[in-house]
Protein backbone atom coordinates (compact mmCIF):
# COMPACT_ATOMS: atom_id res chain seq x y z
CA UNK A 1 -201.23 -127.60 16.68
CA UNK A 2 -199.82 -131.10 16.12
CA UNK A 3 -196.08 -131.56 15.91
CA UNK A 4 -193.76 -134.51 15.27
CA UNK A 5 -190.19 -134.93 16.49
CA UNK A 6 -187.43 -136.78 14.68
CA UNK A 7 -184.23 -137.71 16.50
CA UNK A 8 -181.18 -138.63 14.41
CA UNK A 9 -178.44 -140.35 16.42
CA UNK A 10 -175.21 -139.97 14.46
CA UNK A 11 -171.67 -140.78 15.44
CA UNK A 12 -170.71 -137.07 15.29
CA UNK A 13 -173.80 -135.57 16.94
CA UNK A 14 -177.49 -136.06 17.70
CA UNK A 15 -179.94 -133.87 15.81
CA UNK A 16 -183.60 -133.26 16.62
CA UNK A 17 -186.20 -131.51 14.47
CA UNK A 18 -189.78 -130.49 15.14
CA UNK A 19 -192.12 -130.83 12.15
CA UNK A 20 -195.52 -129.16 11.83
CA UNK A 21 -197.64 -132.19 10.94
CA UNK A 22 -200.16 -130.14 8.96
CA UNK A 23 -197.86 -127.97 6.85
CA UNK A 24 -194.86 -130.31 6.70
CA UNK A 25 -192.55 -127.45 7.65
CA UNK A 26 -189.63 -127.69 10.05
CA UNK A 27 -190.35 -125.25 12.88
CA UNK A 28 -187.39 -126.00 15.12
CA UNK A 29 -184.12 -127.88 14.93
CA UNK A 30 -181.04 -128.32 17.08
CA UNK A 31 -178.07 -130.62 17.52
CA UNK A 32 -175.76 -131.60 20.34
CA UNK A 33 -172.95 -131.44 21.15
CA UNK A 34 -171.70 -128.34 19.39
CA UNK A 35 -168.39 -130.12 18.86
CA UNK A 36 -168.19 -133.72 17.66
CA UNK A 37 -169.10 -136.60 19.96
CA UNK A 38 -166.17 -138.60 21.27
CA UNK A 39 -165.28 -141.84 19.48
CA UNK A 40 -162.91 -143.87 21.61
CA UNK A 41 -160.33 -146.13 19.96
CA UNK A 42 -158.64 -148.21 22.67
CA UNK A 43 -156.77 -150.16 19.98
CA UNK A 44 -156.09 -149.62 16.29
CA UNK A 45 -159.24 -150.44 14.32
CA UNK A 46 -161.55 -150.10 17.34
CA UNK A 47 -164.34 -147.50 17.55
CA UNK A 48 -166.60 -147.22 20.60
CA UNK A 49 -169.05 -144.74 22.09
CA UNK A 50 -170.90 -144.48 25.38
CA UNK A 51 -174.65 -144.89 24.69
CA UNK A 52 -175.47 -142.58 27.60
CA UNK A 53 -173.80 -139.81 25.59
CA UNK A 54 -176.41 -140.35 22.84
CA UNK A 55 -179.25 -140.07 25.36
CA UNK A 56 -177.83 -136.95 26.97
CA UNK A 57 -177.28 -135.25 23.62
CA UNK A 58 -180.73 -136.32 22.38
CA UNK A 59 -182.27 -134.71 25.48
CA UNK A 60 -180.39 -131.45 24.85
CA UNK A 61 -181.25 -131.42 21.13
CA UNK A 62 -184.95 -132.15 21.68
CA UNK A 63 -185.32 -129.45 24.33
CA UNK A 64 -183.49 -126.88 22.18
CA UNK A 65 -185.52 -127.81 19.09
CA UNK A 66 -188.76 -127.44 21.03
CA UNK A 67 -187.63 -124.06 22.34
CA UNK A 68 -186.89 -122.97 18.78
CA UNK A 69 -190.33 -124.21 17.71
CA UNK A 70 -191.97 -122.39 20.64
CA UNK A 71 -193.99 -125.45 21.53
CA UNK A 72 -194.58 -127.70 24.53
CA UNK A 73 -194.41 -131.42 25.04
CA UNK A 74 -198.18 -131.82 24.94
CA UNK A 75 -198.22 -130.72 21.28
CA UNK A 76 -195.77 -133.46 20.24
CA UNK A 77 -197.86 -136.35 18.92
CA UNK A 78 -195.18 -138.85 17.89
CA UNK A 79 -191.43 -139.50 17.93
CA UNK A 80 -189.28 -141.07 15.21
CA UNK A 81 -185.72 -142.30 15.62
CA UNK A 82 -182.95 -142.57 13.04
CA UNK A 83 -179.64 -144.04 14.14
CA UNK A 84 -176.11 -144.94 13.08
CA UNK A 85 -176.25 -148.43 11.61
CA UNK A 86 -174.45 -151.67 12.50
CA UNK A 87 -173.61 -150.76 16.11
CA UNK A 88 -173.82 -153.17 19.06
CA UNK A 89 -175.26 -152.23 22.46
CA UNK A 90 -175.37 -154.93 25.15
CA UNK A 91 -177.65 -154.59 28.20
CA UNK A 92 -178.32 -156.77 31.23
CA UNK A 93 -181.67 -157.83 32.69
CA UNK A 94 -181.99 -154.40 34.37
CA UNK A 95 -181.50 -152.70 30.99
CA UNK A 96 -178.12 -151.36 32.11
CA UNK A 97 -175.39 -150.99 29.48
CA UNK A 98 -172.62 -153.55 30.01
CA UNK A 99 -169.87 -152.06 27.85
CA UNK A 100 -169.32 -149.18 25.41
CA UNK A 101 -171.16 -149.59 22.13
CA UNK A 102 -169.07 -151.04 19.30
CA UNK A 103 -170.03 -148.72 16.45
CA UNK A 104 -170.26 -149.01 12.69
CA UNK A 105 -166.65 -148.11 11.76
CA UNK A 106 -165.07 -150.56 14.23
CA UNK A 107 -163.04 -153.20 12.34
CA UNK A 108 -162.36 -155.80 15.02
CA UNK A 109 -164.91 -158.39 13.88
CA UNK A 110 -163.80 -158.88 10.26
CA UNK A 111 -162.12 -162.24 10.92
CA UNK A 112 -165.17 -163.48 12.86
CA UNK A 113 -167.41 -162.72 9.92
CA UNK A 114 -165.13 -164.57 7.52
CA UNK A 115 -165.00 -167.61 9.82
CA UNK A 116 -168.81 -167.80 10.11
CA UNK A 117 -169.18 -167.29 6.35
CA UNK A 118 -166.91 -170.28 5.70
CA UNK A 119 -168.50 -172.43 8.42
CA UNK A 120 -172.06 -171.87 7.17
CA UNK A 121 -171.12 -171.82 3.49
CA UNK A 122 -171.15 -168.90 1.09
CA UNK A 123 -174.20 -169.98 -0.92
CA UNK A 124 -176.35 -170.45 2.18
CA UNK A 125 -175.22 -167.16 3.74
CA UNK A 126 -175.83 -165.12 0.63
CA UNK A 127 -179.14 -166.71 -0.35
CA UNK A 128 -180.63 -166.29 3.15
CA UNK A 129 -178.84 -163.22 4.58
CA UNK A 130 -178.10 -161.48 1.24
CA UNK A 131 -174.69 -160.59 2.67
CA UNK A 132 -171.59 -162.07 4.19
CA UNK A 133 -171.73 -161.64 8.00
CA UNK A 134 -168.70 -159.41 7.47
CA UNK A 135 -168.08 -156.85 10.19
CA UNK A 136 -171.73 -156.29 11.07
CA UNK A 137 -173.51 -156.32 14.44
CA UNK A 138 -173.81 -160.10 14.77
CA UNK A 139 -170.07 -160.53 14.36
CA UNK A 140 -169.33 -157.77 16.85
CA UNK A 141 -171.34 -159.85 19.29
CA UNK A 142 -169.25 -162.90 18.32
CA UNK A 143 -166.14 -160.90 19.25
CA UNK A 144 -167.63 -160.04 22.66
CA UNK A 145 -168.57 -163.68 23.24
CA UNK A 146 -165.02 -164.89 22.65
CA UNK A 147 -163.03 -162.01 24.16
CA UNK A 148 -165.26 -160.91 27.07
CA UNK A 149 -166.98 -164.15 28.17
CA UNK A 150 -167.82 -162.96 31.70
CA UNK A 151 -169.50 -159.87 30.31
CA UNK A 152 -171.22 -161.89 27.58
CA UNK A 153 -172.78 -164.13 30.21
CA UNK A 154 -174.55 -161.07 31.70
CA UNK A 155 -176.16 -159.97 28.41
CA UNK A 156 -179.96 -160.05 28.40
CA UNK A 157 -180.54 -158.24 25.09
CA UNK A 158 -178.43 -157.00 22.19
CA UNK A 159 -179.59 -153.92 20.34
CA UNK A 160 -178.77 -151.48 17.61
CA UNK A 161 -178.22 -147.86 18.71
CA UNK A 162 -181.78 -146.77 17.84
CA UNK A 163 -183.26 -149.79 19.62
CA UNK A 164 -181.34 -148.81 22.73
CA UNK A 165 -182.47 -145.18 22.62
CA UNK A 166 -186.08 -146.28 22.18
CA UNK A 167 -185.69 -148.62 25.16
CA UNK A 168 -184.34 -145.75 27.28
CA UNK A 169 -187.34 -143.65 26.29
CA UNK A 170 -190.02 -146.32 26.72
CA UNK A 171 -188.65 -149.13 28.86
CA UNK A 172 -189.40 -151.60 26.04
CA UNK A 173 -186.61 -153.62 24.38
CA UNK A 174 -187.62 -153.91 20.72
CA UNK A 175 -186.16 -154.05 17.23
CA UNK A 176 -187.35 -154.26 13.61
CA UNK A 177 -186.83 -156.60 10.66
CA UNK A 178 -185.03 -153.79 8.83
CA UNK A 179 -182.73 -153.32 11.82
CA UNK A 180 -182.05 -157.04 12.17
CA UNK A 181 -181.20 -157.23 8.48
CA UNK A 182 -178.53 -154.54 8.89
CA UNK A 183 -177.10 -156.51 11.81
CA UNK A 184 -177.12 -159.66 9.61
CA UNK A 185 -179.59 -161.42 11.90
CA UNK A 186 -182.49 -161.64 9.40
CA UNK A 187 -183.31 -164.64 7.19
CA UNK A 188 -184.97 -163.29 4.04
CA UNK A 189 -185.96 -166.72 2.72
CA UNK A 190 -187.86 -167.64 5.89
CA UNK A 191 -188.86 -164.09 6.90
CA UNK A 192 -187.62 -164.47 10.47
CA UNK A 193 -184.61 -164.14 12.75
CA UNK A 194 -181.91 -166.35 11.25
CA UNK A 195 -181.82 -169.46 13.40
CA UNK A 196 -178.84 -171.09 11.69
CA UNK A 197 -176.69 -167.97 12.23
CA UNK A 198 -177.61 -167.92 15.93
CA UNK A 199 -176.88 -171.64 16.23
CA UNK A 200 -173.54 -171.47 14.42
CA UNK A 201 -172.47 -168.48 16.53
CA UNK A 202 -173.69 -169.96 19.82
CA UNK A 203 -176.15 -167.11 20.46
CA UNK A 204 -179.34 -167.69 22.39
CA UNK A 205 -182.48 -166.53 20.53
CA UNK A 206 -183.47 -164.82 23.79
CA UNK A 207 -180.81 -162.16 23.12
CA UNK A 208 -182.91 -160.74 20.28
CA UNK A 209 -185.56 -158.18 21.37
CA UNK A 210 -189.19 -158.36 20.28
CA UNK A 211 -189.63 -157.52 16.59
CA UNK A 212 -192.09 -154.68 15.88
CA UNK A 213 -193.16 -153.08 12.57
CA UNK A 214 -191.01 -150.16 11.38
CA UNK A 215 -194.10 -147.93 11.14
CA UNK A 216 -196.30 -148.54 14.19
CA UNK A 217 -197.00 -147.36 17.71
CA UNK A 218 -194.07 -149.35 19.04
CA UNK A 219 -194.01 -148.14 22.65
CA UNK A 220 -194.75 -145.04 24.71
CA UNK A 221 -192.62 -142.63 26.73
CA UNK A 222 -192.16 -143.35 30.41
CA UNK A 223 -192.74 -140.60 32.92
CA UNK A 224 -188.99 -140.43 33.70
CA UNK A 225 -187.98 -140.03 30.05
CA UNK A 226 -190.79 -137.54 29.44
CA UNK A 227 -189.52 -135.41 32.32
CA UNK A 228 -185.96 -135.57 30.95
CA UNK A 229 -187.00 -134.48 27.48
CA UNK A 230 -189.77 -132.04 28.33
CA UNK A 231 -192.34 -134.24 26.59
CA UNK A 232 -195.62 -135.81 27.68
CA UNK A 233 -195.65 -139.29 29.20
CA UNK A 234 -197.34 -141.71 26.84
CA UNK A 235 -196.11 -140.01 23.65
CA UNK A 236 -195.60 -142.83 21.12
CA UNK A 237 -192.35 -143.84 19.50
CA UNK A 238 -193.82 -144.84 16.15
CA UNK A 239 -190.88 -145.22 13.78
CA UNK A 240 -187.23 -146.24 13.83
CA UNK A 241 -184.70 -147.05 11.13
CA UNK A 242 -180.99 -147.06 10.45
CA UNK A 243 -179.62 -143.78 9.15
CA UNK A 244 -179.25 -144.83 5.52
CA UNK A 245 -182.68 -146.42 5.01
CA UNK A 246 -184.02 -143.40 6.89
CA UNK A 247 -182.09 -140.99 4.68
CA UNK A 248 -183.72 -142.66 1.67
CA UNK A 249 -187.11 -142.31 3.36
CA UNK A 250 -186.43 -138.63 4.04
CA UNK A 251 -185.92 -138.16 0.26
CA UNK A 252 -189.10 -140.13 -0.54
CA UNK A 253 -186.99 -142.93 -2.01
CA UNK A 254 -189.32 -145.88 -1.51
CA UNK A 255 -189.89 -147.53 -4.88
CA UNK A 256 -187.78 -149.72 -7.18
CA UNK A 257 -185.25 -147.74 -9.19
CA UNK A 258 -185.12 -144.73 -6.87
CA UNK A 259 -181.68 -143.69 -5.56
CA UNK A 260 -180.58 -141.65 -2.54
CA UNK A 261 -177.15 -140.37 -1.59
CA UNK A 262 -175.66 -138.77 1.49
CA UNK A 263 -172.21 -137.54 2.45
CA UNK A 264 -171.97 -137.05 6.19
CA UNK A 265 -169.31 -138.72 8.35
CA UNK A 266 -169.59 -141.64 5.94
CA UNK A 267 -170.80 -141.47 2.37
CA UNK A 268 -173.61 -143.60 0.98
CA UNK A 269 -175.40 -144.36 -2.26
CA UNK A 270 -178.60 -146.29 -1.54
CA UNK A 271 -180.93 -147.71 -4.18
CA UNK A 272 -184.27 -149.46 -3.80
CA UNK A 273 -185.11 -152.63 -5.71
CA UNK A 274 -187.80 -155.31 -5.63
CA UNK A 275 -185.33 -157.95 -6.81
CA UNK A 276 -183.72 -160.22 -4.25
CA UNK A 277 -180.14 -159.84 -5.43
CA UNK A 278 -176.78 -159.51 -3.73
CA UNK A 279 -173.14 -158.88 -4.52
CA UNK A 280 -171.31 -162.22 -4.17
CA UNK A 281 -168.38 -160.45 -2.49
CA UNK A 282 -170.62 -158.27 -0.24
CA UNK A 283 -168.82 -155.13 -1.40
CA UNK A 284 -172.22 -153.47 -1.54
CA UNK A 285 -174.91 -154.75 0.81
CA UNK A 286 -178.59 -155.58 0.60
CA UNK A 287 -180.90 -154.83 3.54
CA UNK A 288 -184.63 -154.67 4.16
CA UNK A 289 -185.84 -151.17 3.34
CA UNK A 290 -188.21 -149.36 5.70
CA UNK A 291 -191.28 -150.40 3.66
CA UNK A 292 -190.17 -153.98 2.95
CA UNK A 293 -192.61 -156.84 3.33
CA UNK A 294 -192.31 -160.44 2.21
CA UNK A 295 -195.35 -159.90 -0.06
CA UNK A 296 -193.98 -156.67 -1.62
CA UNK A 297 -190.17 -156.76 -1.33
CA UNK A 298 -188.41 -153.43 -1.02
CA UNK A 299 -184.70 -153.99 -0.59
CA UNK A 300 -182.08 -151.29 -0.15
CA UNK A 301 -178.74 -151.84 -1.87
CA UNK A 302 -176.20 -149.84 0.07
CA UNK A 303 -172.76 -148.61 -0.91
CA UNK A 304 -170.92 -147.17 2.09
CA UNK A 305 -167.63 -145.26 2.04
CA UNK A 306 -166.48 -144.82 5.65
CA UNK A 307 -163.99 -142.05 4.94
CA UNK A 308 -166.15 -139.23 3.59
CA UNK A 309 -167.10 -136.23 5.74
CA UNK A 310 -164.55 -137.34 8.31
CA UNK A 311 -161.85 -136.97 5.63
CA UNK A 312 -163.15 -133.50 4.84
CA UNK A 313 -163.09 -132.47 8.50
CA UNK A 314 -159.59 -133.92 8.96
CA UNK A 315 -158.37 -131.89 6.00
CA UNK A 316 -159.95 -128.67 7.30
CA UNK A 317 -158.19 -129.06 10.64
CA UNK A 318 -154.89 -130.17 9.14
CA UNK A 319 -154.43 -127.38 6.58
CA UNK A 320 -155.78 -124.72 8.94
CA UNK A 321 -158.77 -123.58 6.88
CA UNK A 322 -161.44 -121.78 8.89
CA UNK A 323 -164.56 -123.21 7.20
CA UNK A 324 -165.85 -125.78 4.73
CA UNK A 325 -167.04 -122.92 2.54
CA UNK A 326 -163.44 -121.73 2.24
CA UNK A 327 -162.35 -125.27 1.37
CA UNK A 328 -165.00 -125.45 -1.34
CA UNK A 329 -163.82 -122.13 -2.81
CA UNK A 330 -160.22 -123.34 -2.80
CA UNK A 331 -161.21 -126.61 -4.49
CA UNK A 332 -163.07 -124.78 -7.25
CA UNK A 333 -159.92 -122.83 -8.12
CA UNK A 334 -158.06 -126.04 -9.08
CA UNK A 335 -158.78 -127.85 -12.38
CA UNK A 336 -160.61 -131.15 -12.84
CA UNK A 337 -158.15 -133.90 -11.94
CA UNK A 338 -156.22 -131.61 -9.57
CA UNK A 339 -153.24 -131.65 -11.98
CA UNK A 340 -152.50 -135.30 -11.27
CA UNK A 341 -152.98 -135.27 -7.48
CA UNK A 342 -155.02 -138.33 -6.42
CA UNK A 343 -156.64 -138.87 -3.01
CA UNK A 344 -157.82 -142.25 -1.73
CA UNK A 345 -160.30 -141.59 1.12
CA UNK A 346 -160.16 -144.97 2.88
CA UNK A 347 -158.88 -143.89 6.30
CA UNK A 348 -161.79 -144.68 8.61
CA UNK A 349 -161.60 -148.42 9.21
CA UNK A 350 -162.22 -151.46 7.05
CA UNK A 351 -164.10 -150.63 3.85
CA UNK A 352 -166.75 -153.08 2.65
CA UNK A 353 -166.36 -151.87 -0.94
CA UNK A 354 -162.73 -153.07 -0.71
CA UNK A 355 -163.71 -156.51 0.68
CA UNK A 356 -163.23 -155.31 4.27
CA UNK A 357 -159.64 -154.19 3.76
CA UNK A 358 -158.39 -151.31 5.89
CA UNK A 359 -156.39 -149.58 3.19
CA UNK A 360 -155.83 -146.25 4.88
CA UNK A 361 -156.13 -142.85 3.23
CA UNK A 362 -153.37 -141.58 0.97
CA UNK A 363 -152.37 -138.99 -1.61
CA UNK A 364 -150.32 -139.87 -4.66
CA UNK A 365 -148.74 -137.78 -7.39
CA UNK A 366 -147.99 -134.92 -5.01
CA UNK A 367 -145.71 -132.33 -6.65
CA UNK A 368 -144.28 -129.74 -4.27
CA UNK A 369 -143.75 -127.29 -7.11
CA UNK A 370 -147.29 -127.40 -8.52
CA UNK A 371 -149.73 -128.47 -5.83
CA UNK A 372 -151.27 -126.17 -3.22
CA UNK A 373 -154.06 -126.23 -0.66
CA UNK A 374 -156.48 -125.79 -3.56
CA UNK A 375 -155.27 -128.99 -5.20
CA UNK A 376 -155.49 -130.88 -1.91
CA UNK A 377 -159.08 -129.74 -1.44
CA UNK A 378 -160.03 -130.60 -5.03
CA UNK A 379 -158.34 -134.01 -4.89
CA UNK A 380 -160.12 -134.77 -1.63
CA UNK A 381 -163.60 -134.04 -3.04
CA UNK A 382 -162.83 -135.90 -6.26
CA UNK A 383 -161.44 -138.86 -4.32
CA UNK A 384 -164.64 -139.18 -2.31
CA UNK A 385 -166.83 -138.86 -5.42
CA UNK A 386 -164.71 -141.36 -7.34
CA UNK A 387 -165.05 -143.85 -4.49
CA UNK A 388 -168.82 -143.43 -4.89
CA UNK A 389 -168.50 -144.12 -8.63
CA UNK A 390 -166.37 -147.21 -7.93
CA UNK A 391 -169.22 -148.57 -5.83
CA UNK A 392 -171.93 -147.48 -8.27
CA UNK A 393 -170.27 -149.69 -10.87
CA UNK A 394 -170.75 -152.65 -8.49
CA UNK A 395 -174.43 -151.78 -7.94
CA UNK A 396 -175.44 -151.82 -11.61
CA UNK A 397 -175.34 -155.64 -12.01
CA UNK A 398 -177.82 -155.86 -9.11
CA UNK A 399 -180.49 -154.16 -11.19
CA UNK A 400 -179.93 -150.48 -10.35
CA UNK A 401 -179.85 -148.13 -13.33
CA UNK A 402 -178.57 -144.93 -11.78
CA UNK A 403 -179.82 -142.07 -13.94
CA UNK A 404 -181.13 -139.79 -11.17
CA UNK A 405 -179.84 -139.32 -7.62
CA UNK A 406 -181.74 -137.59 -4.80
CA UNK A 407 -179.82 -135.94 -1.97
CA UNK A 408 -180.45 -133.57 0.87
CA UNK A 409 -178.74 -130.20 0.44
CA UNK A 410 -176.49 -130.74 3.43
CA UNK A 411 -172.96 -131.78 4.41
CA UNK A 412 -170.78 -132.29 1.31
CA UNK A 413 -173.77 -131.81 -1.00
CA UNK A 414 -173.55 -128.13 -0.04
CA UNK A 415 -170.51 -128.01 -2.34
CA UNK A 416 -171.37 -127.24 -5.97
CA UNK A 417 -168.11 -128.87 -7.00
CA UNK A 418 -168.95 -132.09 -5.16
CA UNK A 419 -172.37 -132.26 -6.85
CA UNK A 420 -170.99 -131.42 -10.29
CA UNK A 421 -168.24 -134.02 -9.99
CA UNK A 422 -170.65 -136.76 -8.94
CA UNK A 423 -173.07 -135.88 -11.72
CA UNK A 424 -170.29 -135.62 -14.29
CA UNK A 425 -168.57 -138.93 -13.52
CA UNK A 426 -171.77 -140.96 -12.99
CA UNK A 427 -173.77 -139.40 -15.82
CA UNK A 428 -176.71 -139.05 -13.42
CA UNK A 429 -178.68 -135.92 -12.69
CA UNK A 430 -178.90 -134.88 -9.03
CA UNK A 431 -182.04 -133.47 -7.40
CA UNK A 432 -181.43 -131.64 -4.11
CA UNK A 433 -184.07 -131.42 -1.39
CA UNK A 434 -184.59 -129.47 1.81
CA UNK A 435 -184.55 -132.35 4.25
CA UNK A 436 -182.35 -134.41 6.53
CA UNK A 437 -182.48 -137.55 8.64
CA UNK A 438 -184.23 -135.98 11.60
CA UNK A 439 -187.02 -134.61 9.38
CA UNK A 440 -187.37 -137.98 7.66
CA UNK A 441 -187.71 -139.64 11.06
CA UNK A 442 -190.41 -137.12 12.03
CA UNK A 443 -192.40 -137.86 8.86
CA UNK A 444 -191.96 -141.58 9.44
CA UNK A 445 -193.29 -141.15 12.98
CA UNK A 446 -196.33 -139.33 11.63
CA UNK A 447 -197.18 -142.23 9.35
CA UNK A 448 -196.44 -144.82 12.05
CA UNK A 449 -198.78 -143.04 14.48
CA UNK A 450 -201.58 -142.75 11.90
CA UNK A 451 -201.36 -138.96 11.65
CA UNK A 452 -200.66 -139.42 7.95
CA UNK A 453 -202.81 -141.97 6.12
CA UNK A 454 -200.00 -142.91 3.72
CA UNK A 455 -196.33 -142.28 2.99
CA UNK A 456 -197.20 -140.19 -0.10
CA UNK A 457 -199.25 -137.95 2.20
CA UNK A 458 -196.34 -137.71 4.65
CA UNK A 459 -194.02 -136.52 1.87
CA UNK A 460 -196.43 -134.31 -0.07
CA UNK A 461 -194.72 -131.18 1.28
CA UNK A 462 -191.12 -132.29 0.56
CA UNK A 463 -189.44 -129.36 -1.21
CA UNK A 464 -186.90 -129.58 -4.04
CA UNK A 465 -184.33 -126.79 -3.83
CA UNK A 466 -181.97 -127.47 -6.72
CA UNK A 467 -180.73 -129.82 -9.41
CA UNK A 468 -177.50 -130.61 -11.22
CA UNK A 469 -177.12 -131.96 -14.77
CA UNK A 470 -174.10 -133.95 -16.02
CA UNK A 471 -171.42 -131.93 -17.82
CA UNK A 472 -167.72 -132.16 -18.72
CA UNK A 473 -168.08 -135.94 -18.72
CA UNK A 474 -164.84 -136.72 -20.60
CA UNK A 475 -162.71 -134.68 -18.19
CA UNK A 476 -164.27 -136.39 -15.16
CA UNK A 477 -163.91 -139.83 -16.75
CA UNK A 478 -160.22 -139.18 -17.38
CA UNK A 479 -159.68 -138.07 -13.77
CA UNK A 480 -161.63 -141.09 -12.53
CA UNK A 481 -159.50 -143.46 -14.64
CA UNK A 482 -156.34 -142.04 -13.02
CA UNK A 483 -157.91 -142.40 -9.57
CA UNK A 484 -159.00 -145.99 -10.24
CA UNK A 485 -155.52 -146.89 -11.46
CA UNK A 486 -154.01 -145.52 -8.23
CA UNK A 487 -156.51 -147.55 -6.19
CA UNK A 488 -155.78 -150.76 -8.09
CA UNK A 489 -152.03 -150.26 -7.60
CA UNK A 490 -152.61 -149.82 -3.87
CA UNK A 491 -154.82 -152.93 -3.71
CA UNK A 492 -152.21 -155.02 -5.51
């Protein structure tokens, strides 16, 4: 038997899945830890994690997934890695981590991004990088350079979270063009690392690891890592991608016009285009998709809402509800629009869709005589969906006609109400699939290792498990208008 393993490094947990390469079926899956991973916030707006925690949890998840699959390391033919985007890991010449990773929802670098944007010039930034440097990985490095100069002087390589995990597994420091684009290091016009960004920021080009193809035998497991994970030394790591391009891959979203959505800790709508376009305010972002080449452009336009699943989990804890299923049932008992209760879900750091403002989450219109837990739960789900719709309206001028959305039946897409609200307000049908990021990474690894001859072959067994058609459009549009008005009042 030939099996593939996908490892999905999230901010909440690390998940691993074992895929039967021949049948395309998941035969074992596990995640660690059983409670959420720690995110440290030493100051307001900061968000950091210890990379070693990712490695330790990946080791636990892989071993448990293999036990569930009743297989051994020798049967695993390739490894794929999906990872939380936009993080910064700094290592020295001995590949030792120098400081905690600054992760995606950390807001400290916003002012650095604005300063570089103005110094380089907006037209040049947007035409080459397709984004403002914003609060992305490159600007997190700029913060380290200015605020921790002694530590900065020790840096040998800077990496994204998945690059670091691959390095720990293989001993090879590497990255990809797709990864560099999400860190705002990639020059799309010249198809290379962006030299003018490095020069303006004072970064040595030597800090950037070797660039390898997204789908390829990138490096092989060391004996030490193989022993840790219960795998065979020499097993190839043959795919890596940020979680949102990888989520699109896992849904077989690879061609222009195809749309993926996810609602985990953060919420994302991600559409593929072959047009080199960008939002002039970088409220939605354009990155190299997993199958992008300069000859056949495949660009992912990404809308990210930081405060999605994390808002849902906060609510569950705060109102003392025992499960998300109970929250969903409560929400369904309240009417569309939650009788005037409006929730803004922007409580997890600076939001790109709001021009990097950190607005905070809030409820408005709360009436103590009418509103209950049910209304809070309904307003929360509607607030998250309406924030998606707000971003979808920004994506349409970039060439994305959103008539069909693909999503994995997981996280908030387990809620019928969430799906119906998104379909109703956007007017798009939703197709639900039995997949997740770890399974997408496993399929990607199979193609990268040559086990599958093509991506269509890798996804031939992808199984659709449900669909949702738009309904009650006027009621959702009315509720959305009230939500949008509340947002605009807050922004003003």
